[in-house]
Amino acid sequence: GAVLARFYAQCGGRSGRIVILPTASGSADAGEREAAALQDLGGDTAPVILPVRSREQAHRDEYVQAIETASGIFLCGGNQMRLTAVLAGTPLLAAIQRVYQNGCMVAGTSAGAAALSSVMMAYGKSGQAPHHGIVQLVPGLGLTDQVIFDQHFNQRSRLGRLIYVVTTTPNLLGIGVDENTAALLIEGRVMAVGAGGVTI
């Protein structure tokens, strides 16, 4: 509740134009729950779900145009490798990066959060202690090259793999986000929003 309400407000509230990308999910109805919840908050324009499931669709002009006019973009959860496989090197991802640099709020849940950075975690193991092989790093969507996100953080005991990442890639700030929680990055600051915690 609090997380989605804050996202709605950051996107402009009633005047916001929100686009939802269900690409990471394998579910046909992905994004519908988020769209309905955002619509319940009000808004002059209903959230738009872009059914981008293939690289061909990520080249469609009408989808790129929807991104370019958005004040907020929400990436659904699922498999972050599906996100990068579909979007990398496409006009749609270029548009997402461009509007983000111009102030558009971009958010993601689960895989959608993990994929936001230039380097993302793809596969990993749980546990409190870092060790070699606990996680694999692959290219992400490239919205930031300063941080790396891990999700379901305390619920799935992921401290060890975040420690491993920041010790082997010391230019990255590691941010672990609990469930029902958001790490809000604005002007170089990180704020926790929601029911859980944010580990830095």
N, C-alpha and C. Protein backbone atom coordinates (compact mmCIF):
# COMPACT_ATOMS: atom_id res chain seq x y z
N GLY A 1 0.81 -1.21 0.00
CA GLY A 1 0.00 0.00 0.00
C GLY A 1 0.84 1.26 0.00
N ALA A 2 1.69 1.42 1.02
CA ALA A 2 2.50 2.64 1.14
C ALA A 2 3.47 2.78 -0.03
N VAL A 3 4.02 1.66 -0.48
CA VAL A 3 4.98 1.69 -1.57
C VAL A 3 4.32 2.15 -2.87
N LEU A 4 3.19 1.56 -3.19
CA LEU A 4 2.50 1.91 -4.43
C LEU A 4 1.98 3.35 -4.37
N ALA A 5 1.52 3.77 -3.19
CA ALA A 5 1.04 5.14 -3.03
C ALA A 5 2.17 6.14 -3.23
N ARG A 6 3.37 5.81 -2.75
CA ARG A 6 4.51 6.71 -2.92
C ARG A 6 4.93 6.76 -4.39
N PHE A 7 4.92 5.61 -5.05
CA PHE A 7 5.23 5.58 -6.49
C PHE A 7 4.24 6.44 -7.26
N TYR A 8 2.96 6.30 -6.96
CA TYR A 8 1.91 7.09 -7.60
C TYR A 8 2.16 8.59 -7.41
N ALA A 9 2.52 8.98 -6.20
CA ALA A 9 2.78 10.39 -5.92
C ALA A 9 4.01 10.88 -6.67
N GLN A 10 5.07 10.06 -6.71
CA GLN A 10 6.31 10.46 -7.40
C GLN A 10 6.10 10.59 -8.91
N CYS A 11 5.07 9.90 -9.42
CA CYS A 11 4.79 9.96 -10.86
C CYS A 11 3.90 11.15 -11.24
N GLY A 12 3.51 11.93 -10.25
CA GLY A 12 2.69 13.09 -10.54
C GLY A 12 1.28 13.03 -10.00
N GLY A 13 0.95 11.96 -9.27
CA GLY A 13 -0.38 11.86 -8.70
C GLY A 13 -1.47 11.78 -9.77
N ARG A 14 -2.49 12.59 -9.63
CA ARG A 14 -3.64 12.53 -10.54
C ARG A 14 -3.25 12.85 -11.98
N SER A 15 -2.24 13.68 -12.16
CA SER A 15 -1.84 14.06 -13.52
C SER A 15 -0.79 13.12 -14.12
N GLY A 16 -0.41 12.09 -13.37
CA GLY A 16 0.63 11.18 -13.84
C GLY A 16 0.18 10.29 -14.99
N ARG A 17 1.17 9.85 -15.77
CA ARG A 17 0.93 8.91 -16.87
C ARG A 17 1.83 7.71 -16.63
N ILE A 18 1.25 6.62 -16.16
CA ILE A 18 2.02 5.45 -15.73
C ILE A 18 1.93 4.33 -16.75
N VAL A 19 3.09 3.77 -17.08
CA VAL A 19 3.19 2.64 -18.00
C VAL A 19 3.71 1.44 -17.21
N ILE A 20 3.08 0.29 -17.39
CA ILE A 20 3.48 -0.94 -16.70
C ILE A 20 4.02 -1.92 -17.72
N LEU A 21 5.21 -2.45 -17.44
CA LEU A 21 5.84 -3.45 -18.32
C LEU A 21 5.82 -4.81 -17.62
N PRO A 22 5.03 -5.78 -18.12
CA PRO A 22 4.95 -7.11 -17.52
C PRO A 22 5.98 -8.09 -18.09
N THR A 23 6.97 -7.59 -18.79
CA THR A 23 7.89 -8.40 -19.58
C THR A 23 8.55 -9.53 -18.80
N ALA A 24 8.92 -9.28 -17.55
CA ALA A 24 9.64 -10.29 -16.76
C ALA A 24 8.77 -11.48 -16.39
N SER A 25 7.47 -11.30 -16.42
CA SER A 25 6.56 -12.34 -15.95
C SER A 25 6.11 -13.25 -17.09
N GLY A 26 5.86 -14.49 -16.74
CA GLY A 26 5.31 -15.44 -17.69
C GLY A 26 3.79 -15.52 -17.63
N SER A 27 3.17 -14.74 -16.72
CA SER A 27 1.72 -14.77 -16.56
C SER A 27 1.04 -13.85 -17.56
N ALA A 28 -0.04 -14.34 -18.14
CA ALA A 28 -0.77 -13.54 -19.13
C ALA A 28 -1.41 -12.31 -18.51
N ASP A 29 -1.75 -12.37 -17.23
CA ASP A 29 -2.42 -11.24 -16.58
C ASP A 29 -1.46 -10.37 -15.77
N ALA A 30 -0.18 -10.52 -15.98
CA ALA A 30 0.81 -9.73 -15.24
C ALA A 30 0.59 -8.25 -15.47
N GLY A 31 0.66 -7.50 -14.39
CA GLY A 31 0.48 -6.06 -14.46
C GLY A 31 -0.93 -5.60 -14.17
N GLU A 32 -1.89 -6.49 -14.28
CA GLU A 32 -3.28 -6.08 -14.10
C GLU A 32 -3.58 -5.71 -12.65
N ARG A 33 -3.00 -6.43 -11.71
CA ARG A 33 -3.23 -6.12 -10.30
C ARG A 33 -2.65 -4.75 -9.95
N GLU A 34 -1.43 -4.49 -10.44
CA GLU A 34 -0.80 -3.19 -10.19
C GLU A 34 -1.58 -2.06 -10.84
N ALA A 35 -2.05 -2.31 -12.06
CA ALA A 35 -2.82 -1.29 -12.78
C ALA A 35 -4.11 -0.96 -12.02
N ALA A 36 -4.78 -1.99 -11.52
CA ALA A 36 -6.02 -1.77 -10.79
C ALA A 36 -5.77 -1.02 -9.49
N ALA A 37 -4.70 -1.38 -8.78
CA ALA A 37 -4.39 -0.70 -7.52
C ALA A 37 -4.03 0.76 -7.76
N LEU A 38 -3.26 1.03 -8.81
CA LEU A 38 -2.92 2.42 -9.14
C LEU A 38 -4.15 3.21 -9.56
N GLN A 39 -5.04 2.58 -10.31
CA GLN A 39 -6.26 3.25 -10.73
C GLN A 39 -7.13 3.61 -9.54
N ASP A 40 -7.13 2.73 -8.53
CA ASP A 40 -7.92 2.99 -7.33
C ASP A 40 -7.43 4.23 -6.58
N LEU A 41 -6.16 4.60 -6.77
CA LEU A 41 -5.61 5.79 -6.13
C LEU A 41 -6.09 7.07 -6.80
N GLY A 42 -6.73 6.93 -7.95
CA GLY A 42 -7.21 8.08 -8.69
C GLY A 42 -6.37 8.27 -9.95
N GLY A 43 -6.44 9.41 -10.52
CA GLY A 43 -5.67 9.68 -11.72
C GLY A 43 -6.56 9.99 -12.90
N ASP A 44 -6.16 10.98 -13.66
CA ASP A 44 -6.93 11.38 -14.83
C ASP A 44 -6.74 10.42 -15.99
N THR A 45 -5.60 9.70 -16.00
CA THR A 45 -5.30 8.75 -17.07
C THR A 45 -5.05 7.38 -16.47
N ALA A 46 -5.74 6.37 -16.97
CA ALA A 46 -5.56 5.01 -16.45
C ALA A 46 -4.17 4.49 -16.79
N PRO A 47 -3.55 3.71 -15.90
CA PRO A 47 -2.25 3.10 -16.23
C PRO A 47 -2.35 2.24 -17.48
N VAL A 48 -1.30 2.25 -18.27
CA VAL A 48 -1.25 1.50 -19.52
C VAL A 48 -0.31 0.32 -19.37
N ILE A 49 -0.78 -0.89 -19.69
CA ILE A 49 0.06 -2.08 -19.67
C ILE A 49 0.57 -2.31 -21.09
N LEU A 50 1.90 -2.28 -21.26
CA LEU A 50 2.49 -2.56 -22.57
C LEU A 50 2.85 -4.04 -22.63
N PRO A 51 2.16 -4.85 -23.44
CA PRO A 51 2.40 -6.31 -23.46
C PRO A 51 3.64 -6.67 -24.28
N VAL A 52 4.79 -6.22 -23.80
CA VAL A 52 6.04 -6.47 -24.51
C VAL A 52 6.60 -7.82 -24.07
N ARG A 53 6.52 -8.81 -24.94
CA ARG A 53 6.98 -10.16 -24.63
C ARG A 53 8.10 -10.63 -25.56
N SER A 54 8.39 -9.84 -26.60
CA SER A 54 9.40 -10.25 -27.58
C SER A 54 10.22 -9.04 -28.01
N ARG A 55 11.38 -9.31 -28.58
CA ARG A 55 12.23 -8.22 -29.06
C ARG A 55 11.54 -7.46 -30.20
N GLU A 56 10.77 -8.15 -30.99
CA GLU A 56 10.04 -7.49 -32.07
C GLU A 56 9.08 -6.45 -31.50
N GLN A 57 8.38 -6.80 -30.43
CA GLN A 57 7.46 -5.86 -29.81
C GLN A 57 8.20 -4.67 -29.19
N ALA A 58 9.43 -4.89 -28.74
CA ALA A 58 10.22 -3.82 -28.14
C ALA A 58 10.72 -2.82 -29.18
N HIS A 59 10.43 -3.07 -30.46
CA HIS A 59 10.77 -2.13 -31.53
C HIS A 59 9.54 -1.36 -32.02
N ARG A 60 8.37 -1.63 -31.49
CA ARG A 60 7.15 -0.99 -31.99
C ARG A 60 7.11 0.50 -31.63
N ASP A 61 6.83 1.30 -32.63
CA ASP A 61 6.82 2.75 -32.43
C ASP A 61 5.81 3.19 -31.39
N GLU A 62 4.62 2.55 -31.38
CA GLU A 62 3.58 2.98 -30.45
C GLU A 62 3.96 2.69 -29.00
N TYR A 63 4.74 1.62 -28.79
CA TYR A 63 5.19 1.32 -27.44
C TYR A 63 6.28 2.30 -27.00
N VAL A 64 7.18 2.61 -27.91
CA VAL A 64 8.23 3.60 -27.62
C VAL A 64 7.59 4.94 -27.31
N GLN A 65 6.57 5.31 -28.07
CA GLN A 65 5.87 6.58 -27.83
C GLN A 65 5.20 6.60 -26.46
N ALA A 66 4.64 5.47 -26.04
CA ALA A 66 4.02 5.40 -24.72
C ALA A 66 5.04 5.63 -23.61
N ILE A 67 6.24 5.08 -23.78
CA ILE A 67 7.31 5.29 -22.81
C ILE A 67 7.74 6.75 -22.80
N GLU A 68 7.86 7.35 -23.96
CA GLU A 68 8.36 8.72 -24.06
C GLU A 68 7.41 9.75 -23.46
N THR A 69 6.15 9.39 -23.31
CA THR A 69 5.18 10.32 -22.71
C THR A 69 4.83 9.95 -21.27
N ALA A 70 5.52 8.97 -20.71
CA ALA A 70 5.22 8.51 -19.35
C ALA A 70 5.91 9.38 -18.30
N SER A 71 5.24 9.52 -17.16
CA SER A 71 5.87 10.15 -16.00
C SER A 71 6.31 9.09 -14.99
N GLY A 72 5.85 7.85 -15.20
CA GLY A 72 6.23 6.74 -14.34
C GLY A 72 6.21 5.42 -15.09
N ILE A 73 7.19 4.58 -14.83
CA ILE A 73 7.29 3.26 -15.46
C ILE A 73 7.45 2.23 -14.37
N PHE A 74 6.63 1.18 -14.41
CA PHE A 74 6.68 0.13 -13.41
C PHE A 74 6.99 -1.21 -14.07
N LEU A 75 8.07 -1.86 -13.61
CA LEU A 75 8.48 -3.16 -14.15
C LEU A 75 8.02 -4.27 -13.21
N CYS A 76 7.22 -5.18 -13.73
CA CYS A 76 6.70 -6.28 -12.92
C CYS A 76 7.78 -7.30 -12.58
N GLY A 77 7.48 -8.14 -11.61
CA GLY A 77 8.39 -9.19 -11.21
C GLY A 77 8.31 -10.40 -12.13
N GLY A 78 9.18 -11.35 -11.87
CA GLY A 78 9.25 -12.56 -12.68
C GLY A 78 10.68 -13.04 -12.78
N ASN A 79 11.22 -13.01 -13.98
CA ASN A 79 12.60 -13.44 -14.25
C ASN A 79 13.36 -12.27 -14.88
N GLN A 80 14.36 -11.75 -14.16
CA GLN A 80 15.08 -10.59 -14.68
C GLN A 80 15.86 -10.89 -15.96
N MET A 81 16.21 -12.16 -16.19
CA MET A 81 16.89 -12.52 -17.43
C MET A 81 15.96 -12.35 -18.63
N ARG A 82 14.67 -12.57 -18.42
CA ARG A 82 13.70 -12.35 -19.49
C ARG A 82 13.62 -10.87 -19.85
N LEU A 83 13.72 -10.02 -18.84
CA LEU A 83 13.69 -8.57 -19.08
C LEU A 83 14.84 -8.14 -19.98
N THR A 84 16.05 -8.54 -19.63
CA THR A 84 17.20 -8.10 -20.42
C THR A 84 17.24 -8.77 -21.78
N ALA A 85 16.81 -10.02 -21.87
CA ALA A 85 16.81 -10.71 -23.16
C ALA A 85 15.88 -10.04 -24.15
N VAL A 86 14.75 -9.54 -23.66
CA VAL A 86 13.76 -8.90 -24.54
C VAL A 86 14.12 -7.45 -24.83
N LEU A 87 14.62 -6.72 -23.83
CA LEU A 87 14.77 -5.27 -23.97
C LEU A 87 16.16 -4.78 -24.40
N ALA A 88 17.21 -5.54 -24.09
CA ALA A 88 18.56 -5.04 -24.34
C ALA A 88 18.78 -4.68 -25.81
N GLY A 89 19.30 -3.48 -26.03
CA GLY A 89 19.62 -3.05 -27.38
C GLY A 89 18.44 -2.65 -28.24
N THR A 90 17.27 -2.43 -27.63
CA THR A 90 16.06 -2.11 -28.39
C THR A 90 15.71 -0.62 -28.23
N PRO A 91 14.91 -0.09 -29.16
CA PRO A 91 14.44 1.29 -29.00
C PRO A 91 13.64 1.51 -27.72
N LEU A 92 12.95 0.48 -27.26
CA LEU A 92 12.16 0.62 -26.04
C LEU A 92 13.05 0.86 -24.83
N LEU A 93 14.13 0.08 -24.70
CA LEU A 93 15.04 0.29 -23.58
C LEU A 93 15.74 1.64 -23.70
N ALA A 94 16.11 2.03 -24.90
CA ALA A 94 16.74 3.35 -25.09
C ALA A 94 15.79 4.45 -24.63
N ALA A 95 14.50 4.27 -24.91
CA ALA A 95 13.51 5.27 -24.48
C ALA A 95 13.38 5.29 -22.96
N ILE A 96 13.38 4.11 -22.32
CA ILE A 96 13.30 4.04 -20.86
C ILE A 96 14.49 4.76 -20.24
N GLN A 97 15.69 4.49 -20.74
CA GLN A 97 16.89 5.15 -20.21
C GLN A 97 16.82 6.66 -20.41
N ARG A 98 16.32 7.08 -21.56
CA ARG A 98 16.25 8.51 -21.88
C ARG A 98 15.27 9.24 -20.96
N VAL A 99 14.06 8.69 -20.79
CA VAL A 99 13.08 9.39 -19.95
C VAL A 99 13.49 9.35 -18.48
N TYR A 100 14.17 8.28 -18.07
CA TYR A 100 14.67 8.22 -16.69
C TYR A 100 15.65 9.36 -16.44
N GLN A 101 16.56 9.58 -17.37
CA GLN A 101 17.53 10.67 -17.23
C GLN A 101 16.84 12.03 -17.20
N ASN A 102 15.67 12.11 -17.79
CA ASN A 102 14.93 13.37 -17.84
C ASN A 102 13.93 13.52 -16.69
N GLY A 103 13.97 12.60 -15.72
CA GLY A 103 13.16 12.76 -14.52
C GLY A 103 11.99 11.83 -14.36
N CYS A 104 11.76 10.93 -15.30
CA CYS A 104 10.67 9.96 -15.16
C CYS A 104 10.98 9.01 -14.01
N MET A 105 9.99 8.71 -13.18
CA MET A 105 10.16 7.76 -12.09
C MET A 105 10.08 6.34 -12.64
N VAL A 106 11.11 5.54 -12.39
CA VAL A 106 11.13 4.15 -12.84
C VAL A 106 11.24 3.26 -11.60
N ALA A 107 10.35 2.28 -11.50
CA ALA A 107 10.32 1.40 -10.34
C ALA A 107 10.12 -0.04 -10.80
N GLY A 108 10.49 -0.97 -9.93
CA GLY A 108 10.27 -2.37 -10.25
C GLY A 108 10.07 -3.17 -8.99
N THR A 109 9.38 -4.28 -9.13
CA THR A 109 9.21 -5.19 -8.01
C THR A 109 9.93 -6.49 -8.32
N SER A 110 10.64 -7.04 -7.34
CA SER A 110 11.34 -8.31 -7.50
C SER A 110 12.30 -8.25 -8.68
N ALA A 111 12.07 -9.04 -9.72
CA ALA A 111 12.96 -9.02 -10.88
C ALA A 111 13.04 -7.65 -11.52
N GLY A 112 11.93 -6.91 -11.48
CA GLY A 112 11.92 -5.57 -12.04
C GLY A 112 12.84 -4.63 -11.31
N ALA A 113 13.02 -4.84 -10.00
CA ALA A 113 13.96 -4.03 -9.23
C ALA A 113 15.39 -4.48 -9.48
N ALA A 114 15.61 -5.79 -9.51
CA ALA A 114 16.96 -6.32 -9.70
C ALA A 114 17.57 -5.87 -11.02
N ALA A 115 16.74 -5.69 -12.04
CA ALA A 115 17.24 -5.40 -13.39
C ALA A 115 17.53 -3.94 -13.65
N LEU A 116 17.24 -3.04 -12.71
CA LEU A 116 17.36 -1.61 -12.98
C LEU A 116 18.80 -1.15 -13.19
N SER A 117 19.75 -1.80 -12.57
CA SER A 117 21.13 -1.33 -12.60
C SER A 117 21.90 -1.86 -13.81
N SER A 118 23.09 -1.32 -14.02
CA SER A 118 23.93 -1.76 -15.14
C SER A 118 24.41 -3.19 -14.96
N VAL A 119 24.67 -3.56 -13.71
CA VAL A 119 25.05 -4.93 -13.36
C VAL A 119 23.98 -5.47 -12.43
N MET A 120 23.47 -6.67 -12.71
CA MET A 120 22.43 -7.23 -11.86
C MET A 120 22.77 -8.65 -11.44
N MET A 121 22.14 -9.09 -10.36
CA MET A 121 22.28 -10.46 -9.92
C MET A 121 21.30 -11.33 -10.71
N ALA A 122 21.81 -12.41 -11.25
CA ALA A 122 20.95 -13.28 -12.06
C ALA A 122 20.59 -14.56 -11.32
N TYR A 123 21.58 -15.21 -10.77
CA TYR A 123 21.35 -16.46 -10.04
C TYR A 123 22.17 -16.40 -8.76
N GLY A 124 21.64 -16.94 -7.69
CA GLY A 124 22.38 -16.88 -6.44
C GLY A 124 21.81 -17.82 -5.40
N LYS A 125 22.53 -17.90 -4.29
CA LYS A 125 22.15 -18.76 -3.18
C LYS A 125 21.90 -17.92 -1.94
N SER A 126 21.12 -18.46 -1.04
CA SER A 126 20.84 -17.77 0.22
C SER A 126 21.95 -18.03 1.22
N GLY A 127 21.93 -17.25 2.29
CA GLY A 127 22.89 -17.45 3.37
C GLY A 127 23.48 -16.13 3.83
N GLN A 128 23.92 -16.12 5.08
CA GLN A 128 24.47 -14.90 5.68
C GLN A 128 25.95 -14.69 5.36
N ALA A 129 26.65 -15.76 5.01
CA ALA A 129 28.10 -15.65 4.80
C ALA A 129 28.43 -15.59 3.31
N PRO A 130 29.27 -14.64 2.89
CA PRO A 130 29.68 -14.57 1.49
C PRO A 130 30.70 -15.65 1.16
N HIS A 131 30.61 -16.20 -0.04
CA HIS A 131 31.62 -17.16 -0.50
C HIS A 131 31.59 -17.20 -2.02
N HIS A 132 32.68 -17.68 -2.59
CA HIS A 132 32.80 -17.73 -4.05
C HIS A 132 31.68 -18.58 -4.64
N GLY A 133 31.06 -18.06 -5.69
CA GLY A 133 30.01 -18.80 -6.36
C GLY A 133 28.62 -18.59 -5.79
N ILE A 134 28.50 -17.71 -4.79
CA ILE A 134 27.18 -17.52 -4.17
C ILE A 134 26.23 -16.77 -5.09
N VAL A 135 26.77 -16.06 -6.09
CA VAL A 135 25.91 -15.28 -6.98
C VAL A 135 26.61 -15.08 -8.33
N GLN A 136 25.82 -14.93 -9.38
CA GLN A 136 26.33 -14.62 -10.71
C GLN A 136 25.85 -13.23 -11.12
N LEU A 137 26.75 -12.47 -11.73
CA LEU A 137 26.42 -11.13 -12.19
C LEU A 137 26.35 -11.10 -13.71
N VAL A 138 25.36 -10.38 -14.22
CA VAL A 138 25.17 -10.23 -15.66
C VAL A 138 24.74 -8.78 -15.92
N PRO A 139 24.78 -8.34 -17.18
CA PRO A 139 24.34 -6.97 -17.48
C PRO A 139 22.85 -6.77 -17.19
N GLY A 140 22.52 -5.59 -16.66
CA GLY A 140 21.14 -5.22 -16.40
C GLY A 140 20.64 -4.21 -17.41
N LEU A 141 19.65 -3.43 -17.03
CA LEU A 141 19.03 -2.48 -17.94
C LEU A 141 19.76 -1.14 -18.01
N GLY A 142 20.69 -0.91 -17.10
CA GLY A 142 21.58 0.24 -17.24
C GLY A 142 21.03 1.59 -16.82
N LEU A 143 20.05 1.63 -15.92
CA LEU A 143 19.56 2.93 -15.47
C LEU A 143 20.52 3.58 -14.48
N THR A 144 21.31 2.78 -13.78
CA THR A 144 22.32 3.33 -12.87
C THR A 144 23.53 2.41 -12.86
N ASP A 145 24.71 3.01 -12.76
CA ASP A 145 25.93 2.22 -12.64
C ASP A 145 26.58 2.42 -11.27
N GLN A 146 25.80 2.95 -10.32
CA GLN A 146 26.34 3.23 -8.99
C GLN A 146 25.87 2.25 -7.93
N VAL A 147 24.75 1.58 -8.17
CA VAL A 147 24.21 0.67 -7.16
C VAL A 147 23.82 -0.65 -7.80
N ILE A 148 23.64 -1.66 -6.95
CA ILE A 148 23.09 -2.94 -7.38
C ILE A 148 22.04 -3.34 -6.34
N PHE A 149 20.92 -3.86 -6.83
CA PHE A 149 19.79 -4.17 -5.96
C PHE A 149 19.65 -5.67 -5.75
N ASP A 150 19.28 -6.04 -4.51
CA ASP A 150 18.83 -7.40 -4.24
C ASP A 150 17.47 -7.29 -3.57
N GLN A 151 16.59 -8.23 -3.88
CA GLN A 151 15.20 -8.13 -3.44
C GLN A 151 14.83 -9.32 -2.56
N HIS A 152 13.66 -9.27 -1.91
CA HIS A 152 13.24 -10.30 -0.93
C HIS A 152 14.36 -10.49 0.09
N PHE A 153 14.98 -9.41 0.51
CA PHE A 153 16.31 -9.49 1.11
C PHE A 153 16.37 -10.28 2.41
N ASN A 154 15.73 -9.80 3.46
CA ASN A 154 15.77 -10.54 4.73
C ASN A 154 14.89 -11.78 4.70
N GLN A 155 13.83 -11.74 3.91
CA GLN A 155 12.92 -12.89 3.84
C GLN A 155 13.62 -14.12 3.28
N ARG A 156 14.60 -13.92 2.39
CA ARG A 156 15.30 -15.05 1.76
C ARG A 156 16.78 -15.11 2.15
N SER A 157 17.15 -14.42 3.20
CA SER A 157 18.50 -14.48 3.76
C SER A 157 19.57 -14.26 2.69
N ARG A 158 19.63 -13.05 2.14
CA ARG A 158 20.51 -12.77 1.01
C ARG A 158 21.67 -11.83 1.35
N LEU A 159 21.99 -11.70 2.63
CA LEU A 159 23.08 -10.83 3.03
C LEU A 159 24.41 -11.30 2.45
N GLY A 160 24.68 -12.59 2.48
CA GLY A 160 25.95 -13.12 2.01
C GLY A 160 26.25 -12.77 0.57
N ARG A 161 25.26 -12.88 -0.30
CA ARG A 161 25.54 -12.61 -1.71
C ARG A 161 25.69 -11.12 -1.98
N LEU A 162 25.02 -10.26 -1.19
CA LEU A 162 25.21 -8.82 -1.39
C LEU A 162 26.60 -8.40 -0.92
N ILE A 163 27.05 -8.96 0.20
CA ILE A 163 28.41 -8.68 0.66
C ILE A 163 29.43 -9.14 -0.39
N TYR A 164 29.22 -10.31 -0.96
CA TYR A 164 30.14 -10.82 -1.98
C TYR A 164 30.21 -9.88 -3.17
N VAL A 165 29.07 -9.39 -3.61
CA VAL A 165 29.04 -8.50 -4.78
C VAL A 165 29.80 -7.21 -4.52
N VAL A 166 29.58 -6.58 -3.38
CA VAL A 166 30.23 -5.28 -3.15
C VAL A 166 31.72 -5.43 -2.82
N THR A 167 32.15 -6.59 -2.37
CA THR A 167 33.58 -6.78 -2.14
C THR A 167 34.32 -7.13 -3.43
N THR A 168 33.62 -7.75 -4.36
CA THR A 168 34.26 -8.09 -5.64
C THR A 168 34.02 -7.00 -6.69
N THR A 169 33.04 -6.13 -6.46
CA THR A 169 32.76 -5.02 -7.38
C THR A 169 32.60 -3.76 -6.52
N PRO A 170 33.73 -3.22 -5.99
CA PRO A 170 33.66 -2.17 -4.97
C PRO A 170 33.15 -0.82 -5.46
N ASN A 171 32.96 -0.66 -6.76
CA ASN A 171 32.40 0.61 -7.24
C ASN A 171 30.88 0.66 -7.07
N LEU A 172 30.28 -0.46 -6.69
CA LEU A 172 28.82 -0.53 -6.54
C LEU A 172 28.41 -0.44 -5.07
N LEU A 173 27.36 0.30 -4.82
CA LEU A 173 26.73 0.32 -3.51
C LEU A 173 25.65 -0.75 -3.51
N GLY A 174 25.72 -1.67 -2.58
CA GLY A 174 24.74 -2.74 -2.51
C GLY A 174 23.51 -2.32 -1.71
N ILE A 175 22.32 -2.54 -2.28
CA ILE A 175 21.08 -2.18 -1.61
C ILE A 175 20.17 -3.41 -1.57
N GLY A 176 19.90 -3.90 -0.38
CA GLY A 176 18.99 -5.04 -0.20
C GLY A 176 17.63 -4.55 0.26
N VAL A 177 16.59 -4.93 -0.46
CA VAL A 177 15.24 -4.41 -0.20
C VAL A 177 14.33 -5.54 0.28
N ASP A 178 13.72 -5.35 1.43
CA ASP A 178 12.78 -6.34 1.96
C ASP A 178 11.48 -6.33 1.15
N GLU A 179 10.68 -7.36 1.35
CA GLU A 179 9.37 -7.42 0.70
C GLU A 179 8.44 -6.35 1.28
N ASN A 180 7.50 -5.88 0.47
CA ASN A 180 6.57 -4.81 0.86
C ASN A 180 7.30 -3.54 1.26
N THR A 181 8.44 -3.32 0.62
CA THR A 181 9.30 -2.19 0.94
C THR A 181 9.92 -1.66 -0.34
N ALA A 182 10.22 -0.37 -0.37
CA ALA A 182 10.93 0.21 -1.51
C ALA A 182 12.14 0.99 -1.02
N ALA A 183 13.19 0.97 -1.83
CA ALA A 183 14.33 1.86 -1.64
C ALA A 183 14.14 2.98 -2.66
N LEU A 184 13.87 4.18 -2.18
CA LEU A 184 13.61 5.32 -3.05
C LEU A 184 14.89 6.12 -3.21
N LEU A 185 15.39 6.18 -4.44
CA LEU A 185 16.64 6.90 -4.72
C LEU A 185 16.31 8.23 -5.37
N ILE A 186 16.60 9.32 -4.65
CA ILE A 186 16.34 10.66 -5.16
C ILE A 186 17.51 11.57 -4.78
N GLU A 187 18.12 12.20 -5.78
CA GLU A 187 19.18 13.17 -5.57
C GLU A 187 20.28 12.64 -4.65
N GLY A 188 20.72 11.43 -4.92
CA GLY A 188 21.84 10.87 -4.17
C GLY A 188 21.51 10.35 -2.79
N ARG A 189 20.23 10.33 -2.44
CA ARG A 189 19.82 9.82 -1.13
C ARG A 189 19.00 8.56 -1.30
N VAL A 190 19.03 7.69 -0.30
CA VAL A 190 18.24 6.47 -0.29
C VAL A 190 17.28 6.54 0.89
N MET A 191 15.99 6.37 0.60
CA MET A 191 14.98 6.38 1.66
C MET A 191 14.20 5.08 1.63
N ALA A 192 13.88 4.57 2.81
CA ALA A 192 13.08 3.36 2.91
C ALA A 192 11.61 3.74 3.01
N VAL A 193 10.77 3.06 2.21
CA VAL A 193 9.34 3.29 2.23
C VAL A 193 8.66 1.93 2.37
N GLY A 194 7.70 1.81 3.28
CA GLY A 194 6.96 0.56 3.37
C GLY A 194 7.11 -0.13 4.70
N ALA A 195 6.84 -1.44 4.71
CA ALA A 195 6.71 -2.19 5.95
C ALA A 195 8.02 -2.76 6.47
N GLY A 196 9.01 -2.94 5.60
CA GLY A 196 10.24 -3.61 6.00
C GLY A 196 11.42 -2.67 6.03
N GLY A 197 12.60 -3.24 5.76
CA GLY A 197 13.82 -2.47 5.84
C GLY A 197 14.59 -2.45 4.53
N VAL A 198 15.54 -1.52 4.46
CA VAL A 198 16.47 -1.43 3.34
C VAL A 198 17.88 -1.55 3.92
N THR A 199 18.63 -2.51 3.44
CA THR A 199 20.00 -2.74 3.92
C THR A 199 20.99 -2.18 2.93
N ILE A 200 21.92 -1.34 3.41
CA ILE A 200 22.91 -0.74 2.53
C ILE A 200 24.29 -1.22 2.94
